[in-house]
Amino acid sequence: METTARDFNQNASRILAAAERGERITVTKNGRPVAILSPVAEDPVPDHPTDPMGDDDIPVFRSGSRIDWSEGRGSYLEGFGV
């Protein structure tokens, strides 16, 4: 279902009832989608998921030599806003 922001403003209870029945409603303003109204699931989704989000196989990059910082930063950090 799709509705305009004006129609949503004037018929909010009818539109919310449709969402309660399981419909997903896209609200548009000036022809552009601005919001999606969907029914609440029985198992709410947490704001910040705590489960792993993928493999922890992050590559570690090591260079063969260490940087000599005895003369200061030099040009090592040039372009990084330092």
PDB file of N, CA and C in Angstrom:
ATOM      1  N   MET A   1       0.850  -1.174   0.000  1.00  0.00           N
ATOM      2  CA  MET A   1       0.000   0.000   0.000  1.00  0.00           C
ATOM      3  C   MET A   1       0.897   1.239   0.000  1.00  0.00           C
ATOM      4  N   GLU A   2       0.429   2.269  -0.669  1.00  0.00           N
ATOM      5  CA  GLU A   2       1.163   3.538  -0.703  1.00  0.00           C
ATOM      6  C   GLU A   2       0.190   4.663  -0.387  1.00  0.00           C
ATOM      7  N   THR A   3       0.665   5.639   0.365  1.00  0.00           N
ATOM      8  CA  THR A   3      -0.170   6.778   0.725  1.00  0.00           C
ATOM      9  C   THR A   3       0.678   8.039   0.758  1.00  0.00           C
ATOM     10  N   THR A   4       0.041   9.169   0.616  1.00  0.00           N
ATOM     11  CA  THR A   4       0.762  10.440   0.693  1.00  0.00           C
ATOM     12  C   THR A   4       0.836  10.897   2.147  1.00  0.00           C
ATOM     13  N   ALA A   5       1.745  11.795   2.425  1.00  0.00           N
ATOM     14  CA  ALA A   5       1.877  12.331   3.782  1.00  0.00           C
ATOM     15  C   ALA A   5       0.580  13.022   4.198  1.00  0.00           C
ATOM     16  N   ARG A   6      -0.046  13.719   3.273  1.00  0.00           N
ATOM     17  CA  ARG A   6      -1.304  14.402   3.583  1.00  0.00           C
ATOM     18  C   ARG A   6      -2.406  13.399   3.930  1.00  0.00           C
ATOM     19  N   ASP A   7      -2.510  12.342   3.113  1.00  0.00           N
ATOM     20  CA  ASP A   7      -3.510  11.311   3.379  1.00  0.00           C
ATOM     21  C   ASP A   7      -3.227  10.628   4.712  1.00  0.00           C
ATOM     22  N   PHE A   8      -1.953  10.376   5.000  1.00  0.00           N
ATOM     23  CA  PHE A   8      -1.604   9.764   6.281  1.00  0.00           C
ATOM     24  C   PHE A   8      -2.030  10.672   7.434  1.00  0.00           C
ATOM     25  N   ASN A   9      -1.794  11.966   7.288  1.00  0.00           N
ATOM     26  CA  ASN A   9      -2.164  12.930   8.319  1.00  0.00           C
ATOM     27  C   ASN A   9      -3.677  12.926   8.557  1.00  0.00           C
ATOM     28  N   GLN A  10      -4.450  12.821   7.481  1.00  0.00           N
ATOM     29  CA  GLN A  10      -5.906  12.897   7.594  1.00  0.00           C
ATOM     30  C   GLN A  10      -6.559  11.559   7.945  1.00  0.00           C
ATOM     31  N   ASN A  11      -5.882  10.452   7.657  1.00  0.00           N
ATOM     32  CA  ASN A  11      -6.478   9.124   7.863  1.00  0.00           C
ATOM     33  C   ASN A  11      -5.544   8.188   8.621  1.00  0.00           C
ATOM     34  N   ALA A  12      -4.867   8.712   9.615  1.00  0.00           N
ATOM     35  CA  ALA A  12      -3.858   7.925  10.324  1.00  0.00           C
ATOM     36  C   ALA A  12      -4.434   6.641  10.925  1.00  0.00           C
ATOM     37  N   SER A  13      -5.611   6.716  11.544  1.00  0.00           N
ATOM     38  CA  SER A  13      -6.138   5.508  12.186  1.00  0.00           C
ATOM     39  C   SER A  13      -6.463   4.424  11.169  1.00  0.00           C
ATOM     40  N   ARG A  14      -6.978   4.783   9.992  1.00  0.00           N
ATOM     41  CA  ARG A  14      -7.273   3.789   8.950  1.00  0.00           C
ATOM     42  C   ARG A  14      -5.981   3.156   8.449  1.00  0.00           C
ATOM     43  N   ILE A  15      -4.939   3.962   8.270  1.00  0.00           N
ATOM     44  CA  ILE A  15      -3.656   3.465   7.755  1.00  0.00           C
ATOM     45  C   ILE A  15      -2.959   2.606   8.810  1.00  0.00           C
ATOM     46  N   LEU A  16      -3.012   3.020  10.068  1.00  0.00           N
ATOM     47  CA  LEU A  16      -2.419   2.214  11.135  1.00  0.00           C
ATOM     48  C   LEU A  16      -3.148   0.882  11.280  1.00  0.00           C
ATOM     49  N   ALA A  17      -4.452   0.876  11.063  1.00  0.00           N
ATOM     50  CA  ALA A  17      -5.215  -0.377  11.113  1.00  0.00           C
ATOM     51  C   ALA A  17      -4.744  -1.319  10.004  1.00  0.00           C
ATOM     52  N   ALA A  18      -4.423  -0.771   8.836  1.00  0.00           N
ATOM     53  CA  ALA A  18      -3.919  -1.599   7.736  1.00  0.00           C
ATOM     54  C   ALA A  18      -2.565  -2.209   8.117  1.00  0.00           C
ATOM     55  N   ALA A  19      -1.722  -1.425   8.767  1.00  0.00           N
ATOM     56  CA  ALA A  19      -0.427  -1.947   9.221  1.00  0.00           C
ATOM     57  C   ALA A  19      -0.640  -3.035  10.266  1.00  0.00           C
ATOM     58  N   GLU A  20      -1.607  -2.826  11.123  1.00  0.00           N
ATOM     59  CA  GLU A  20      -1.909  -3.815  12.157  1.00  0.00           C
ATOM     60  C   GLU A  20      -2.373  -5.131  11.539  1.00  0.00           C
ATOM     61  N   ARG A  21      -3.046  -5.044  10.388  1.00  0.00           N
ATOM     62  CA  ARG A  21      -3.496  -6.256   9.687  1.00  0.00           C
ATOM     63  C   ARG A  21      -2.351  -6.948   8.951  1.00  0.00           C
ATOM     64  N   GLY A  22      -1.177  -6.319   8.935  1.00  0.00           N
ATOM     65  CA  GLY A  22      -0.025  -6.953   8.287  1.00  0.00           C
ATOM     66  C   GLY A  22       0.455  -6.268   7.034  1.00  0.00           C
ATOM     67  N   GLU A  23      -0.208  -5.193   6.623  1.00  0.00           N
ATOM     68  CA  GLU A  23       0.217  -4.495   5.413  1.00  0.00           C
ATOM     69  C   GLU A  23       1.434  -3.632   5.682  1.00  0.00           C
ATOM     70  N   ARG A  24       2.213  -3.440   4.651  1.00  0.00           N
ATOM     71  CA  ARG A  24       3.368  -2.556   4.710  1.00  0.00           C
ATOM     72  C   ARG A  24       3.011  -1.309   3.902  1.00  0.00           C
ATOM     73  N   ILE A  25       3.134  -0.140   4.500  1.00  0.00           N
ATOM     74  CA  ILE A  25       2.683   1.102   3.870  1.00  0.00           C
ATOM     75  C   ILE A  25       3.873   2.027   3.617  1.00  0.00           C
ATOM     76  N   THR A  26       3.980   2.500   2.384  1.00  0.00           N
ATOM     77  CA  THR A  26       4.990   3.487   2.036  1.00  0.00           C
ATOM     78  C   THR A  26       4.336   4.853   2.023  1.00  0.00           C
ATOM     79  N   VAL A  27       4.903   5.783   2.788  1.00  0.00           N
ATOM     80  CA  VAL A  27       4.373   7.146   2.840  1.00  0.00           C
ATOM     81  C   VAL A  27       5.243   8.003   1.936  1.00  0.00           C
ATOM     82  N   THR A  28       4.587   8.737   1.019  1.00  0.00           N
ATOM     83  CA  THR A  28       5.326   9.578   0.083  1.00  0.00           C
ATOM     84  C   THR A  28       5.038  11.059   0.338  1.00  0.00           C
ATOM     85  N   LYS A  29       5.986  11.884  -0.025  1.00  0.00           N
ATOM     86  CA  LYS A  29       5.832  13.338   0.056  1.00  0.00           C
ATOM     87  C   LYS A  29       6.382  13.901  -1.238  1.00  0.00           C
ATOM     88  N   ASN A  30       5.551  14.637  -1.947  1.00  0.00           N
ATOM     89  CA  ASN A  30       5.926  15.178  -3.258  1.00  0.00           C
ATOM     90  C   ASN A  30       6.410  14.068  -4.195  1.00  0.00           C
ATOM     91  N   GLY A  31       5.775  12.907  -4.107  1.00  0.00           N
ATOM     92  CA  GLY A  31       6.096  11.804  -4.997  1.00  0.00           C
ATOM     93  C   GLY A  31       7.302  10.973  -4.591  1.00  0.00           C
ATOM     94  N   ARG A  32       8.006  11.359  -3.519  1.00  0.00           N
ATOM     95  CA  ARG A  32       9.182  10.613  -3.066  1.00  0.00           C
ATOM     96  C   ARG A  32       8.856   9.824  -1.803  1.00  0.00           C
ATOM     97  N   PRO A  33       9.291   8.570  -1.714  1.00  0.00           N
ATOM     98  CA  PRO A  33       9.071   7.812  -0.483  1.00  0.00           C
ATOM     99  C   PRO A  33       9.862   8.441   0.668  1.00  0.00           C
ATOM    100  N   VAL A  34       9.191   8.656   1.802  1.00  0.00           N
ATOM    101  CA  VAL A  34       9.866   9.244   2.959  1.00  0.00           C
ATOM    102  C   VAL A  34       9.808   8.343   4.186  1.00  0.00           C
ATOM    103  N   ALA A  35       8.896   7.377   4.214  1.00  0.00           N
ATOM    104  CA  ALA A  35       8.784   6.497   5.370  1.00  0.00           C
ATOM    105  C   ALA A  35       8.112   5.196   4.961  1.00  0.00           C
ATOM    106  N   ILE A  36       8.417   4.162   5.718  1.00  0.00           N
ATOM    107  CA  ILE A  36       7.759   2.875   5.526  1.00  0.00           C
ATOM    108  C   ILE A  36       7.170   2.468   6.867  1.00  0.00           C
ATOM    109  N   LEU A  37       5.892   2.197   6.852  1.00  0.00           N
ATOM    110  CA  LEU A  37       5.181   1.741   8.042  1.00  0.00           C
ATOM    111  C   LEU A  37       4.997   0.243   7.892  1.00  0.00           C
ATOM    112  N   SER A  38       5.427  -0.512   8.875  1.00  0.00           N
ATOM    113  CA  SER A  38       5.263  -1.955   8.783  1.00  0.00           C
ATOM    114  C   SER A  38       4.789  -2.495  10.122  1.00  0.00           C
ATOM    115  N   PRO A  39       4.138  -3.650  10.095  1.00  0.00           N
ATOM    116  CA  PRO A  39       3.649  -4.226  11.341  1.00  0.00           C
ATOM    117  C   PRO A  39       4.808  -4.603  12.257  1.00  0.00           C
ATOM    118  N   VAL A  40       4.549  -4.554  13.547  1.00  0.00           N
ATOM    119  CA  VAL A  40       5.557  -4.936  14.527  1.00  0.00           C
ATOM    120  C   VAL A  40       5.636  -6.455  14.566  1.00  0.00           C
ATOM    121  N   ALA A  41       6.854  -6.976  14.494  1.00  0.00           N
ATOM    122  CA  ALA A  41       7.054  -8.418  14.543  1.00  0.00           C
ATOM    123  C   ALA A  41       6.911  -8.900  15.989  1.00  0.00           C
ATOM    124  N   GLU A  42       6.613 -10.164  16.135  1.00  0.00           N
ATOM    125  CA  GLU A  42       6.474 -10.719  17.480  1.00  0.00           C
ATOM    126  C   GLU A  42       7.807 -10.701  18.213  1.00  0.00           C
ATOM    127  N   ASP A  43       8.907 -10.965  17.487  1.00  0.00           N
ATOM    128  CA  ASP A  43      10.239 -10.910  18.074  1.00  0.00           C
ATOM    129  C   ASP A  43      10.867  -9.579  17.682  1.00  0.00           C
ATOM    130  N   PRO A  44      10.872  -8.608  18.594  1.00  0.00           N
ATOM    131  CA  PRO A  44      11.416  -7.299  18.235  1.00  0.00           C
ATOM    132  C   PRO A  44      12.902  -7.373  17.898  1.00  0.00           C
ATOM    133  N   VAL A  45      13.298  -6.578  16.938  1.00  0.00           N
ATOM    134  CA  VAL A  45      14.697  -6.508  16.538  1.00  0.00           C
ATOM    135  C   VAL A  45      15.393  -5.514  17.457  1.00  0.00           C
ATOM    136  N   PRO A  46      16.498  -5.900  18.108  1.00  0.00           N
ATOM    137  CA  PRO A  46      17.177  -4.958  19.001  1.00  0.00           C
ATOM    138  C   PRO A  46      17.774  -3.790  18.219  1.00  0.00           C
ATOM    139  N   ASP A  47      17.863  -2.641  18.873  1.00  0.00           N
ATOM    140  CA  ASP A  47      18.441  -1.462  18.224  1.00  0.00           C
ATOM    141  C   ASP A  47      19.875  -1.714  17.791  1.00  0.00           C
ATOM    142  N   HIS A  48      20.618  -2.422  18.633  1.00  0.00           N
ATOM    143  CA  HIS A  48      22.021  -2.702  18.348  1.00  0.00           C
ATOM    144  C   HIS A  48      22.238  -4.204  18.467  1.00  0.00           C
ATOM    145  N   PRO A  49      22.225  -4.912  17.335  1.00  0.00           N
ATOM    146  CA  PRO A  49      22.381  -6.367  17.393  1.00  0.00           C
ATOM    147  C   PRO A  49      23.660  -6.758  18.122  1.00  0.00           C
ATOM    148  N   THR A  50      23.573  -7.824  18.885  1.00  0.00           N
ATOM    149  CA  THR A  50      24.729  -8.269  19.651  1.00  0.00           C
ATOM    150  C   THR A  50      25.333  -9.546  19.100  1.00  0.00           C
ATOM    151  N   ASP A  51      24.719 -10.121  18.082  1.00  0.00           N
ATOM    152  CA  ASP A  51      25.259 -11.347  17.514  1.00  0.00           C
ATOM    153  C   ASP A  51      26.416 -11.024  16.562  1.00  0.00           C
ATOM    154  N   PRO A  52      27.286 -12.017  16.308  1.00  0.00           N
ATOM    155  CA  PRO A  52      28.400 -11.773  15.386  1.00  0.00           C
ATOM    156  C   PRO A  52      27.878 -11.407  14.004  1.00  0.00           C
ATOM    157  N   MET A  53      28.572 -10.528  13.350  1.00  0.00           N
ATOM    158  CA  MET A  53      28.116 -10.056  12.045  1.00  0.00           C
ATOM    159  C   MET A  53      28.990 -10.577  10.911  1.00  0.00           C
ATOM    160  N   GLY A  54      29.707 -11.629  11.157  1.00  0.00           N
ATOM    161  CA  GLY A  54      30.521 -12.201  10.099  1.00  0.00           C
ATOM    162  C   GLY A  54      31.785 -12.819  10.662  1.00  0.00           C
ATOM    163  N   ASP A  55      32.584 -13.367   9.759  1.00  0.00           N
ATOM    164  CA  ASP A  55      33.833 -13.979  10.179  1.00  0.00           C
ATOM    165  C   ASP A  55      34.795 -12.938  10.706  1.00  0.00           C
ATOM    166  N   ASP A  56      35.644 -13.373  11.600  1.00  0.00           N
ATOM    167  CA  ASP A  56      36.622 -12.476  12.195  1.00  0.00           C
ATOM    168  C   ASP A  56      37.969 -12.656  11.515  1.00  0.00           C
ATOM    169  N   ASP A  57      37.947 -12.955  10.228  1.00  0.00           N
ATOM    170  CA  ASP A  57      39.187 -13.180   9.481  1.00  0.00           C
ATOM    171  C   ASP A  57      39.653 -11.880   8.841  1.00  0.00           C
ATOM    172  N   ILE A  58      40.006 -10.921   9.676  1.00  0.00           N
ATOM    173  CA  ILE A  58      40.465  -9.632   9.165  1.00  0.00           C
ATOM    174  C   ILE A  58      41.957  -9.752   8.888  1.00  0.00           C
ATOM    175  N   PRO A  59      42.384  -9.387   7.678  1.00  0.00           N
ATOM    176  CA  PRO A  59      43.811  -9.516   7.375  1.00  0.00           C
ATOM    177  C   PRO A  59      44.641  -8.526   8.195  1.00  0.00           C
ATOM    178  N   VAL A  60      45.804  -8.963   8.607  1.00  0.00           N
ATOM    179  CA  VAL A  60      46.735  -8.115   9.339  1.00  0.00           C
ATOM    180  C   VAL A  60      47.892  -7.821   8.394  1.00  0.00           C
ATOM    181  N   PHE A  61      48.149  -6.547   8.183  1.00  0.00           N
ATOM    182  CA  PHE A  61      49.220  -6.150   7.277  1.00  0.00           C
ATOM    183  C   PHE A  61      50.443  -5.757   8.091  1.00  0.00           C
ATOM    184  N   ARG A  62      51.556  -6.366   7.788  1.00  0.00           N
ATOM    185  CA  ARG A  62      52.800  -6.048   8.473  1.00  0.00           C
ATOM    186  C   ARG A  62      53.851  -5.747   7.413  1.00  0.00           C
ATOM    187  N   SER A  63      54.632  -4.708   7.675  1.00  0.00           N
ATOM    188  CA  SER A  63      55.728  -4.426   6.754  1.00  0.00           C
ATOM    189  C   SER A  63      56.970  -5.126   7.295  1.00  0.00           C
ATOM    190  N   GLY A  64      57.935  -5.292   6.454  1.00  0.00           N
ATOM    191  CA  GLY A  64      59.154  -5.989   6.856  1.00  0.00           C
ATOM    192  C   GLY A  64      60.029  -5.181   7.792  1.00  0.00           C
ATOM    193  N   SER A  65      59.889  -3.867   7.799  1.00  0.00           N
ATOM    194  CA  SER A  65      60.774  -3.065   8.646  1.00  0.00           C
ATOM    195  C   SER A  65      59.966  -2.155   9.547  1.00  0.00           C
ATOM    196  N   ARG A  66      60.573  -1.804  10.667  1.00  0.00           N
ATOM    197  CA  ARG A  66      59.925  -0.899  11.603  1.00  0.00           C
ATOM    198  C   ARG A  66      60.251   0.539  11.214  1.00  0.00           C
ATOM    199  N   ILE A  67      59.369   1.454  11.545  1.00  0.00           N
ATOM    200  CA  ILE A  67      59.574   2.868  11.248  1.00  0.00           C
ATOM    201  C   ILE A  67      60.413   3.492  12.360  1.00  0.00           C
ATOM    202  N   ASP A  68      61.408   4.234  11.972  1.00  0.00           N
ATOM    203  CA  ASP A  68      62.270   4.925  12.937  1.00  0.00           C
ATOM    204  C   ASP A  68      61.657   6.285  13.230  1.00  0.00           C
ATOM    205  N   TRP A  69      61.087   6.446  14.428  1.00  0.00           N
ATOM    206  CA  TRP A  69      60.423   7.687  14.803  1.00  0.00           C
ATOM    207  C   TRP A  69      61.372   8.666  15.510  1.00  0.00           C
ATOM    208  N   SER A  70      62.638   8.349  15.606  1.00  0.00           N
ATOM    209  CA  SER A  70      63.573   9.181  16.362  1.00  0.00           C
ATOM    210  C   SER A  70      63.694  10.591  15.797  1.00  0.00           C
ATOM    211  N   GLU A  71      63.438  10.770  14.521  1.00  0.00           N
ATOM    212  CA  GLU A  71      63.528  12.108  13.911  1.00  0.00           C
ATOM    213  C   GLU A  71      62.159  12.767  13.812  1.00  0.00           C
ATOM    214  N   GLY A  72      61.177  12.294  14.532  1.00  0.00           N
ATOM    215  CA  GLY A  72      59.828  12.865  14.471  1.00  0.00           C
ATOM    216  C   GLY A  72      58.983  12.153  13.445  1.00  0.00           C
ATOM    217  N   ARG A  73      57.872  12.722  13.199  1.00  0.00           N
ATOM    218  CA  ARG A  73      56.921  12.083  12.285  1.00  0.00           C
ATOM    219  C   ARG A  73      57.344  12.188  10.830  1.00  0.00           C
ATOM    220  N   GLY A  74      58.037  13.223  10.504  1.00  0.00           N
ATOM    221  CA  GLY A  74      58.469  13.389   9.124  1.00  0.00           C
ATOM    222  C   GLY A  74      57.285  13.414   8.175  1.00  0.00           C
ATOM    223  N   SER A  75      57.411  12.765   7.065  1.00  0.00           N
ATOM    224  CA  SER A  75      56.346  12.765   6.062  1.00  0.00           C
ATOM    225  C   SER A  75      55.463  11.527   6.168  1.00  0.00           C
ATOM    226  N   TYR A  76      55.683  10.713   7.212  1.00  0.00           N
ATOM    227  CA  TYR A  76      54.906   9.482   7.338  1.00  0.00           C
ATOM    228  C   TYR A  76      53.400   9.744   7.405  1.00  0.00           C
ATOM    229  N   LEU A  77      53.017  10.823   8.111  1.00  0.00           N
ATOM    230  CA  LEU A  77      51.603  11.098   8.293  1.00  0.00           C
ATOM    231  C   LEU A  77      51.099  12.224   7.412  1.00  0.00           C
ATOM    232  N   GLU A  78      51.870  12.584   6.415  1.00  0.00           N
ATOM    233  CA  GLU A  78      51.465  13.671   5.517  1.00  0.00           C
ATOM    234  C   GLU A  78      50.153  13.298   4.809  1.00  0.00           C
ATOM    235  N   GLY A  79      49.221  14.219   4.804  1.00  0.00           N
ATOM    236  CA  GLY A  79      47.940  13.968   4.170  1.00  0.00           C
ATOM    237  C   GLY A  79      46.900  13.391   5.100  1.00  0.00           C
ATOM    238  N   PHE A  80      47.264  13.152   6.356  1.00  0.00           N
ATOM    239  CA  PHE A  80      46.310  12.622   7.327  1.00  0.00           C
ATOM    240  C   PHE A  80      45.814  13.695   8.280  1.00  0.00           C
ATOM    241  N   GLY A  81      45.971  14.965   7.917  1.00  0.00           N
ATOM    242  CA  GLY A  81      45.476  16.054   8.744  1.00  0.00           C
ATOM    243  C   GLY A  81      46.352  16.347   9.944  1.00  0.00           C
ATOM    244  N   VAL A  82      47.595  15.861   9.926  1.00  0.00           N
ATOM    245  CA  VAL A  82      48.500  16.106  11.052  1.00  0.00           C
ATOM    246  C   VAL A  82      49.434  17.242  10.720  1.00  0.00           C
TER     247      VAL A  82
END
